[in-house]
Amino acid sequence: MLYNIVHLLLGQFLRVVFRLRAINPENVPAGSGVVIAANHISLWDPPVIGCGLPVSRQVHMMAKEELFAIPVFGWVISHLYSFPVRRGLADRNAIRTALDILRNGGAVGMFPEGTRSKTGQLGPAMPGMAMLAVKAAVPVVPAAVFGTNKVFRQGNILPRFTIRFGAPLYARPDMTDKENIEWLNNAVMAEIARMLAEEETEGVKLP
């Protein structure tokens, strides 16, 4: 219930104030497990990903453990289906939680870079994103978030927010799990980079 209410109110806010555009949300499978892998440039990114999809496609965001220790905020995000992960470690609890969600047809949102980019440039991916997809036998949908790091910066007050969803990428049957993890990591990041470049040349022309 809380997720539905926040999705409605925050979605309206993002669409009115930041003119949120969600491009190709239909690329996210509606009724099966999926990893949504996005670049990370701002604290706005998780709600932009969630509100870029229908309320029926609830996104379980993997978030750094420290956020859940913040009074009230930690309670809110935990009730919005986020779950904690200890960064820099092989967090088995987070892995088990993510696998359970995926195997039960849920969507797990992740930032493969592992942290926010302070420059806006796309960094290398950590192996966790592809590893989860391979273990759970689900696709990865690359997602490119654009504009969320420009609020009150670079001459912008209220920039346009855009989220582009790429076509699902599936593990290849001709590869071993190890090979698939490396291939998926590279393929997902290459697609995110391509969509960011496309938005840079096309999206900024919009009013």
Foldseek 3Di string as FASTA:
>chain_A
DLLVVCLVVVLVVQCVQQVEDEAPLVLDDQFAAEEEEEAAADPCVVSSVQNSHDSSQQEAEEDAPVQLPDPPRNVSSVVSNYDHDHAPDPGPVVLVVSLVQRLNGHYYYYHQVRDHDPVPDGDAGDLPRQLSCLVSQHWYKYKYWPDNNDCVHPPHPRHHIYIYTHHTDGFDPVDDSVVSSVVRRVVSSVVNVVVVVVCVVPVVVDD
